[in-house]
Amino acid sequence: MKFTMIISTAVLAGIATATNPNGGPCAHAEQFECGVLEGYNNGNPFAFWCASDNKIVVARLCDCPSCCTLIDDFKSYTCL
């Protein structure tokens, strides 16, 4: 799961210093991912759905640096 977060972070690094990642690129279509984007959500992770066109749809903002977890083979997430 941490590996996925690292990949997502690398992909998200390609987004300009936007404050909202919605519509930005993502790596794994049709599944949830966790990502971190500098300047967004106070540096905390967020869970997002990677749509079929590989675009981000933010699902939830997490409240702590390590609380975004992917579950059920990337079909869901939790921010605990």
PDB file of N, CA and C in Angstrom:
ATOM      1  N   MET A   1       0.815  -1.181   0.000  1.00  0.00           N
ATOM      2  CA  MET A   1       0.000   0.000   0.000  1.00  0.00           C
ATOM      3  C   MET A   1       0.867   1.256   0.000  1.00  0.00           C
ATOM      4  N   LYS A   2       1.959   1.243   0.728  1.00  0.00           N
ATOM      5  CA  LYS A   2       2.848   2.392   0.716  1.00  0.00           C
ATOM      6  C   LYS A   2       3.458   2.559  -0.665  1.00  0.00           C
ATOM      7  N   PHE A   3       3.718   1.450  -1.363  1.00  0.00           N
ATOM      8  CA  PHE A   3       4.259   1.510  -2.713  1.00  0.00           C
ATOM      9  C   PHE A   3       3.311   2.261  -3.629  1.00  0.00           C
ATOM     10  N   THR A   4       2.024   1.982  -3.523  1.00  0.00           N
ATOM     11  CA  THR A   4       1.035   2.678  -4.343  1.00  0.00           C
ATOM     12  C   THR A   4       1.040   4.161  -4.035  1.00  0.00           C
ATOM     13  N   MET A   5       1.157   4.501  -2.773  1.00  0.00           N
ATOM     14  CA  MET A   5       1.165   5.906  -2.401  1.00  0.00           C
ATOM     15  C   MET A   5       2.380   6.608  -2.995  1.00  0.00           C
ATOM     16  N   ILE A   6       3.528   5.947  -3.019  1.00  0.00           N
ATOM     17  CA  ILE A   6       4.728   6.533  -3.596  1.00  0.00           C
ATOM     18  C   ILE A   6       4.539   6.750  -5.092  1.00  0.00           C
ATOM     19  N   ILE A   7       3.986   5.770  -5.780  1.00  0.00           N
ATOM     20  CA  ILE A   7       3.735   5.921  -7.214  1.00  0.00           C
ATOM     21  C   ILE A   7       2.769   7.069  -7.454  1.00  0.00           C
ATOM     22  N   SER A   8       1.706   7.124  -6.691  1.00  0.00           N
ATOM     23  CA  SER A   8       0.722   8.182  -6.866  1.00  0.00           C
ATOM     24  C   SER A   8       1.346   9.538  -6.617  1.00  0.00           C
ATOM     25  N   THR A   9       2.198   9.634  -5.614  1.00  0.00           N
ATOM     26  CA  THR A   9       2.864  10.891  -5.326  1.00  0.00           C
ATOM     27  C   THR A   9       3.730  11.307  -6.502  1.00  0.00           C
ATOM     28  N   ALA A  10       4.433  10.360  -7.099  1.00  0.00           N
ATOM     29  CA  ALA A  10       5.275  10.672  -8.247  1.00  0.00           C
ATOM     30  C   ALA A  10       4.431  11.153  -9.416  1.00  0.00           C
ATOM     31  N   VAL A  11       3.318  10.523  -9.648  1.00  0.00           N
ATOM     32  CA  VAL A  11       2.427  10.941 -10.726  1.00  0.00           C
ATOM     33  C   VAL A  11       1.869  12.320 -10.436  1.00  0.00           C
ATOM     34  N   LEU A  12       1.465  12.549  -9.193  1.00  0.00           N
ATOM     35  CA  LEU A  12       0.888  13.836  -8.831  1.00  0.00           C
ATOM     36  C   LEU A  12       1.910  14.961  -8.897  1.00  0.00           C
ATOM     37  N   ALA A  13       3.183  14.641  -8.780  1.00  0.00           N
ATOM     38  CA  ALA A  13       4.211  15.667  -8.851  1.00  0.00           C
ATOM     39  C   ALA A  13       4.204  16.357 -10.209  1.00  0.00           C
ATOM     40  N   GLY A  14       3.656  15.701 -11.216  1.00  0.00           N
ATOM     41  CA  GLY A  14       3.580  16.285 -12.538  1.00  0.00           C
ATOM     42  C   GLY A  14       2.513  17.355 -12.678  1.00  0.00           C
ATOM     43  N   ILE A  15       1.626  17.441 -11.724  1.00  0.00           N
ATOM     44  CA  ILE A  15       0.595  18.474 -11.758  1.00  0.00           C
ATOM     45  C   ILE A  15       1.231  19.782 -11.307  1.00  0.00           C
ATOM     46  N   ALA A  16       0.968  20.845 -12.006  1.00  0.00           N
ATOM     47  CA  ALA A  16       1.490  22.146 -11.594  1.00  0.00           C
ATOM     48  C   ALA A  16       1.034  22.435 -10.171  1.00  0.00           C
ATOM     49  N   THR A  17       1.600  23.428  -9.562  1.00  0.00           N
ATOM     50  CA  THR A  17       1.304  23.712  -8.162  1.00  0.00           C
ATOM     51  C   THR A  17      -0.158  24.113  -7.976  1.00  0.00           C
ATOM     52  N   ALA A  18      -1.026  23.318  -8.465  1.00  0.00           N
ATOM     53  CA  ALA A  18      -2.462  23.555  -8.351  1.00  0.00           C
ATOM     54  C   ALA A  18      -2.917  23.291  -6.929  1.00  0.00           C
ATOM     55  N   THR A  19      -3.978  23.957  -6.536  1.00  0.00           N
ATOM     56  CA  THR A  19      -4.508  23.721  -5.205  1.00  0.00           C
ATOM     57  C   THR A  19      -5.567  22.638  -5.220  1.00  0.00           C
ATOM     58  N   ASN A  20      -5.984  22.208  -6.384  1.00  0.00           N
ATOM     59  CA  ASN A  20      -7.017  21.188  -6.483  1.00  0.00           C
ATOM     60  C   ASN A  20      -6.599  20.148  -7.525  1.00  0.00           C
ATOM     61  N   PRO A  21      -6.378  18.906  -7.091  1.00  0.00           N
ATOM     62  CA  PRO A  21      -5.916  17.883  -8.031  1.00  0.00           C
ATOM     63  C   PRO A  21      -7.002  17.290  -8.922  1.00  0.00           C
ATOM     64  N   ASN A  22      -8.275  17.619  -8.694  1.00  0.00           N
ATOM     65  CA  ASN A  22      -9.347  17.062  -9.522  1.00  0.00           C
ATOM     66  C   ASN A  22      -9.060  17.318 -10.998  1.00  0.00           C
ATOM     67  N   GLY A  23      -9.155  16.265 -11.787  1.00  0.00           N
ATOM     68  CA  GLY A  23      -8.912  16.371 -13.217  1.00  0.00           C
ATOM     69  C   GLY A  23      -7.467  16.163 -13.620  1.00  0.00           C
ATOM     70  N   GLY A  24      -6.576  16.056 -12.633  1.00  0.00           N
ATOM     71  CA  GLY A  24      -5.172  15.797 -12.925  1.00  0.00           C
ATOM     72  C   GLY A  24      -4.960  14.337 -13.290  1.00  0.00           C
ATOM     73  N   PRO A  25      -3.765  13.984 -13.731  1.00  0.00           N
ATOM     74  CA  PRO A  25      -3.491  12.606 -14.149  1.00  0.00           C
ATOM     75  C   PRO A  25      -3.321  11.652 -12.975  1.00  0.00           C
ATOM     76  N   CYS A  26      -3.691  10.403 -13.192  1.00  0.00           N
ATOM     77  CA  CYS A  26      -3.454   9.343 -12.208  1.00  0.00           C
ATOM     78  C   CYS A  26      -3.015   8.083 -12.947  1.00  0.00           C
ATOM     79  N   ALA A  27      -2.462   7.143 -12.203  1.00  0.00           N
ATOM     80  CA  ALA A  27      -1.774   6.012 -12.818  1.00  0.00           C
ATOM     81  C   ALA A  27      -2.631   4.778 -13.071  1.00  0.00           C
ATOM     82  N   HIS A  28      -3.593   4.493 -12.205  1.00  0.00           N
ATOM     83  CA  HIS A  28      -4.279   3.200 -12.248  1.00  0.00           C
ATOM     84  C   HIS A  28      -5.787   3.386 -12.411  1.00  0.00           C
ATOM     85  N   ALA A  29      -6.265   3.333 -13.641  1.00  0.00           N
ATOM     86  CA  ALA A  29      -7.680   3.570 -13.937  1.00  0.00           C
ATOM     87  C   ALA A  29      -8.586   2.584 -13.221  1.00  0.00           C
ATOM     88  N   GLU A  30      -9.750   3.088 -12.827  1.00  0.00           N
ATOM     89  CA  GLU A  30     -10.811   2.279 -12.220  1.00  0.00           C
ATOM     90  C   GLU A  30     -10.434   1.701 -10.855  1.00  0.00           C
ATOM     91  N   GLN A  31      -9.670   2.453 -10.084  1.00  0.00           N
ATOM     92  CA  GLN A  31      -9.396   2.029  -8.714  1.00  0.00           C
ATOM     93  C   GLN A  31      -9.074   3.251  -7.857  1.00  0.00           C
ATOM     94  N   PHE A  32      -9.153   3.050  -6.542  1.00  0.00           N
ATOM     95  CA  PHE A  32      -8.798   4.109  -5.610  1.00  0.00           C
ATOM     96  C   PHE A  32      -7.291   4.162  -5.449  1.00  0.00           C
ATOM     97  N   GLU A  33      -6.805   5.353  -5.144  1.00  0.00           N
ATOM     98  CA  GLU A  33      -5.401   5.565  -4.832  1.00  0.00           C
ATOM     99  C   GLU A  33      -5.323   6.571  -3.692  1.00  0.00           C
ATOM    100  N   CYS A  34      -4.177   6.620  -3.046  1.00  0.00           N
ATOM    101  CA  CYS A  34      -3.881   7.644  -2.053  1.00  0.00           C
ATOM    102  C   CYS A  34      -2.776   8.508  -2.630  1.00  0.00           C
ATOM    103  N   GLY A  35      -2.874   9.799  -2.421  1.00  0.00           N
ATOM    104  CA  GLY A  35      -1.847  10.686  -2.947  1.00  0.00           C
ATOM    105  C   GLY A  35      -1.572  11.837  -2.010  1.00  0.00           C
ATOM    106  N   VAL A  36      -0.442  12.479  -2.246  1.00  0.00           N
ATOM    107  CA  VAL A  36      -0.045  13.678  -1.519  1.00  0.00           C
ATOM    108  C   VAL A  36       0.388  14.690  -2.565  1.00  0.00           C
ATOM    109  N   LEU A  37      -0.093  15.896  -2.428  1.00  0.00           N
ATOM    110  CA  LEU A  37       0.265  16.957  -3.357  1.00  0.00           C
ATOM    111  C   LEU A  37       0.655  18.175  -2.540  1.00  0.00           C
ATOM    112  N   GLU A  38       1.865  18.657  -2.735  1.00  0.00           N
ATOM    113  CA  GLU A  38       2.342  19.814  -1.989  1.00  0.00           C
ATOM    114  C   GLU A  38       1.376  20.982  -2.161  1.00  0.00           C
ATOM    115  N   GLY A  39       1.015  21.599  -1.056  1.00  0.00           N
ATOM    116  CA  GLY A  39       0.115  22.741  -1.093  1.00  0.00           C
ATOM    117  C   GLY A  39      -1.361  22.371  -1.071  1.00  0.00           C
ATOM    118  N   TYR A  40      -1.678  21.093  -0.983  1.00  0.00           N
ATOM    119  CA  TYR A  40      -3.075  20.646  -0.959  1.00  0.00           C
ATOM    120  C   TYR A  40      -3.320  19.857   0.316  1.00  0.00           C
ATOM    121  N   ASN A  41      -4.390  20.130   1.000  1.00  0.00           N
ATOM    122  CA  ASN A  41      -4.787  19.434   2.225  1.00  0.00           C
ATOM    123  C   ASN A  41      -3.692  19.509   3.302  1.00  0.00           C
ATOM    124  N   ASN A  42      -3.050  20.640   3.399  1.00  0.00           N
ATOM    125  CA  ASN A  42      -1.996  20.860   4.404  1.00  0.00           C
ATOM    126  C   ASN A  42      -0.894  19.806   4.336  1.00  0.00           C
ATOM    127  N   GLY A  43      -0.654  19.247   3.170  1.00  0.00           N
ATOM    128  CA  GLY A  43       0.385  18.236   3.007  1.00  0.00           C
ATOM    129  C   GLY A  43      -0.030  16.837   3.424  1.00  0.00           C
ATOM    130  N   ASN A  44      -1.260  16.686   3.886  1.00  0.00           N
ATOM    131  CA  ASN A  44      -1.770  15.362   4.260  1.00  0.00           C
ATOM    132  C   ASN A  44      -2.264  14.632   3.014  1.00  0.00           C
ATOM    133  N   PRO A  45      -2.359  13.311   3.088  1.00  0.00           N
ATOM    134  CA  PRO A  45      -2.825  12.554   1.923  1.00  0.00           C
ATOM    135  C   PRO A  45      -4.324  12.732   1.675  1.00  0.00           C
ATOM    136  N   PHE A  46      -4.723  12.343   0.505  1.00  0.00           N
ATOM    137  CA  PHE A  46      -6.137  12.318   0.145  1.00  0.00           C
ATOM    138  C   PHE A  46      -6.391  11.050  -0.653  1.00  0.00           C
ATOM    139  N   ALA A  47      -7.595  10.543  -0.526  1.00  0.00           N
ATOM    140  CA  ALA A  47      -8.005   9.369  -1.293  1.00  0.00           C
ATOM    141  C   ALA A  47      -8.716   9.868  -2.543  1.00  0.00           C
ATOM    142  N   PHE A  48      -8.459   9.198  -3.655  1.00  0.00           N
ATOM    143  CA  PHE A  48      -9.132   9.601  -4.887  1.00  0.00           C
ATOM    144  C   PHE A  48      -9.419   8.398  -5.760  1.00  0.00           C
ATOM    145  N   TRP A  49     -10.409   8.560  -6.609  1.00  0.00           N
ATOM    146  CA  TRP A  49     -10.765   7.566  -7.610  1.00  0.00           C
ATOM    147  C   TRP A  49     -10.027   7.939  -8.882  1.00  0.00           C
ATOM    148  N   CYS A  50      -9.372   6.977  -9.491  1.00  0.00           N
ATOM    149  CA  CYS A  50      -8.740   7.187 -10.786  1.00  0.00           C
ATOM    150  C   CYS A  50      -9.755   6.726 -11.836  1.00  0.00           C
ATOM    151  N   ALA A  51     -10.351   7.679 -12.507  1.00  0.00           N
ATOM    152  CA  ALA A  51     -11.421   7.389 -13.467  1.00  0.00           C
ATOM    153  C   ALA A  51     -10.882   6.639 -14.690  1.00  0.00           C
ATOM    154  N   SER A  52     -11.780   6.153 -15.515  1.00  0.00           N
ATOM    155  CA  SER A  52     -11.401   5.357 -16.685  1.00  0.00           C
ATOM    156  C   SER A  52     -10.520   6.134 -17.663  1.00  0.00           C
ATOM    157  N   ASP A  53     -10.588   7.469 -17.623  1.00  0.00           N
ATOM    158  CA  ASP A  53      -9.737   8.291 -18.490  1.00  0.00           C
ATOM    159  C   ASP A  53      -8.453   8.736 -17.785  1.00  0.00           C
ATOM    160  N   ASN A  54      -8.122   8.049 -16.675  1.00  0.00           N
ATOM    161  CA  ASN A  54      -6.928   8.338 -15.874  1.00  0.00           C
ATOM    162  C   ASN A  54      -6.895   9.780 -15.361  1.00  0.00           C
ATOM    163  N   LYS A  55      -8.053  10.244 -14.907  1.00  0.00           N
ATOM    164  CA  LYS A  55      -8.171  11.566 -14.295  1.00  0.00           C
ATOM    165  C   LYS A  55      -8.605  11.411 -12.842  1.00  0.00           C
ATOM    166  N   ILE A  56      -8.069  12.255 -11.976  1.00  0.00           N
ATOM    167  CA  ILE A  56      -8.345  12.210 -10.540  1.00  0.00           C
ATOM    168  C   ILE A  56      -9.714  12.777 -10.213  1.00  0.00           C
ATOM    169  N   VAL A  57     -10.423  12.065  -9.337  1.00  0.00           N
ATOM    170  CA  VAL A  57     -11.654  12.560  -8.720  1.00  0.00           C
ATOM    171  C   VAL A  57     -11.453  12.380  -7.212  1.00  0.00           C
ATOM    172  N   VAL A  58     -11.214  13.484  -6.500  1.00  0.00           N
ATOM    173  CA  VAL A  58     -10.939  13.402  -5.065  1.00  0.00           C
ATOM    174  C   VAL A  58     -12.156  12.845  -4.345  1.00  0.00           C
ATOM    175  N   ALA A  59     -11.922  11.833  -3.507  1.00  0.00           N
ATOM    176  CA  ALA A  59     -12.999  11.197  -2.752  1.00  0.00           C
ATOM    177  C   ALA A  59     -13.048  11.707  -1.312  1.00  0.00           C
ATOM    178  N   ARG A  60     -11.869  11.876  -0.699  1.00  0.00           N
ATOM    179  CA  ARG A  60     -11.847  12.291   0.703  1.00  0.00           C
ATOM    180  C   ARG A  60     -10.475  12.841   1.070  1.00  0.00           C
ATOM    181  N   LEU A  61     -10.476  13.863   1.913  1.00  0.00           N
ATOM    182  CA  LEU A  61      -9.246  14.410   2.461  1.00  0.00           C
ATOM    183  C   LEU A  61      -8.963  13.724   3.780  1.00  0.00           C
ATOM    184  N   CYS A  62      -7.755  13.248   3.964  1.00  0.00           N
ATOM    185  CA  CYS A  62      -7.372  12.590   5.218  1.00  0.00           C
ATOM    186  C   CYS A  62      -6.758  13.625   6.158  1.00  0.00           C
ATOM    187  N   ASP A  63      -6.845  13.342   7.462  1.00  0.00           N
ATOM    188  CA  ASP A  63      -6.453  14.314   8.477  1.00  0.00           C
ATOM    189  C   ASP A  63      -5.049  14.146   9.033  1.00  0.00           C
ATOM    190  N   CYS A  64      -4.363  13.070   8.713  1.00  0.00           N
ATOM    191  CA  CYS A  64      -3.026  12.865   9.283  1.00  0.00           C
ATOM    192  C   CYS A  64      -2.080  12.361   8.194  1.00  0.00           C
ATOM    193  N   PRO A  65      -0.778  12.524   8.385  1.00  0.00           N
ATOM    194  CA  PRO A  65       0.190  12.204   7.335  1.00  0.00           C
ATOM    195  C   PRO A  65       0.230  10.747   6.876  1.00  0.00           C
ATOM    196  N   SER A  66      -0.191   9.817   7.709  1.00  0.00           N
ATOM    197  CA  SER A  66      -0.077   8.403   7.324  1.00  0.00           C
ATOM    198  C   SER A  66      -1.395   7.650   7.437  1.00  0.00           C
ATOM    199  N   CYS A  67      -2.513   8.343   7.311  1.00  0.00           N
ATOM    200  CA  CYS A  67      -3.783   7.663   7.578  1.00  0.00           C
ATOM    201  C   CYS A  67      -4.581   7.277   6.331  1.00  0.00           C
ATOM    202  N   CYS A  68      -4.066   7.446   5.133  1.00  0.00           N
ATOM    203  CA  CYS A  68      -4.776   6.989   3.939  1.00  0.00           C
ATOM    204  C   CYS A  68      -4.342   5.558   3.641  1.00  0.00           C
ATOM    205  N   THR A  69      -5.295   4.648   3.670  1.00  0.00           N
ATOM    206  CA  THR A  69      -5.004   3.236   3.451  1.00  0.00           C
ATOM    207  C   THR A  69      -5.953   2.679   2.402  1.00  0.00           C
ATOM    208  N   LEU A  70      -5.403   1.976   1.437  1.00  0.00           N
ATOM    209  CA  LEU A  70      -6.213   1.326   0.405  1.00  0.00           C
ATOM    210  C   LEU A  70      -6.577  -0.071   0.876  1.00  0.00           C
ATOM    211  N   ILE A  71      -7.824  -0.468   0.652  1.00  0.00           N
ATOM    212  CA  ILE A  71      -8.296  -1.778   1.095  1.00  0.00           C
ATOM    213  C   ILE A  71      -9.060  -2.473  -0.028  1.00  0.00           C
ATOM    214  N   ASP A  72      -9.323  -3.736   0.162  1.00  0.00           N
ATOM    215  CA  ASP A  72     -10.104  -4.540  -0.788  1.00  0.00           C
ATOM    216  C   ASP A  72      -9.561  -4.457  -2.213  1.00  0.00           C
ATOM    217  N   ASP A  73      -8.253  -4.689  -2.355  1.00  0.00           N
ATOM    218  CA  ASP A  73      -7.622  -4.658  -3.682  1.00  0.00           C
ATOM    219  C   ASP A  73      -7.895  -3.352  -4.425  1.00  0.00           C
ATOM    220  N   PHE A  74      -7.729  -2.247  -3.729  1.00  0.00           N
ATOM    221  CA  PHE A  74      -7.863  -0.903  -4.292  1.00  0.00           C
ATOM    222  C   PHE A  74      -9.300  -0.534  -4.662  1.00  0.00           C
ATOM    223  N   LYS A  75     -10.270  -1.283  -4.150  1.00  0.00           N
ATOM    224  CA  LYS A  75     -11.672  -0.984  -4.427  1.00  0.00           C
ATOM    225  C   LYS A  75     -12.252  -0.018  -3.412  1.00  0.00           C
ATOM    226  N   SER A  76     -11.501   0.232  -2.331  1.00  0.00           N
ATOM    227  CA  SER A  76     -11.967   1.140  -1.294  1.00  0.00           C
ATOM    228  C   SER A  76     -10.762   1.720  -0.556  1.00  0.00           C
ATOM    229  N   TYR A  77     -11.038   2.593   0.382  1.00  0.00           N
ATOM    230  CA  TYR A  77      -9.987   3.258   1.146  1.00  0.00           C
ATOM    231  C   TYR A  77     -10.517   3.575   2.536  1.00  0.00           C
ATOM    232  N   THR A  78      -9.614   3.951   3.419  1.00  0.00           N
ATOM    233  CA  THR A  78      -9.990   4.454   4.731  1.00  0.00           C
ATOM    234  C   THR A  78      -9.002   5.546   5.117  1.00  0.00           C
ATOM    235  N   CYS A  79      -9.460   6.507   5.867  1.00  0.00           N
ATOM    236  CA  CYS A  79      -8.609   7.585   6.394  1.00  0.00           C
ATOM    237  C   CYS A  79      -8.650   7.499   7.911  1.00  0.00           C
ATOM    238  N   LEU A  80      -7.982   6.530   8.480  1.00  0.00           N
ATOM    239  CA  LEU A  80      -7.967   6.360   9.936  1.00  0.00           C
ATOM    240  C   LEU A  80      -6.600   6.640  10.487  1.00  0.00           C
TER     241      LEU A  80
END
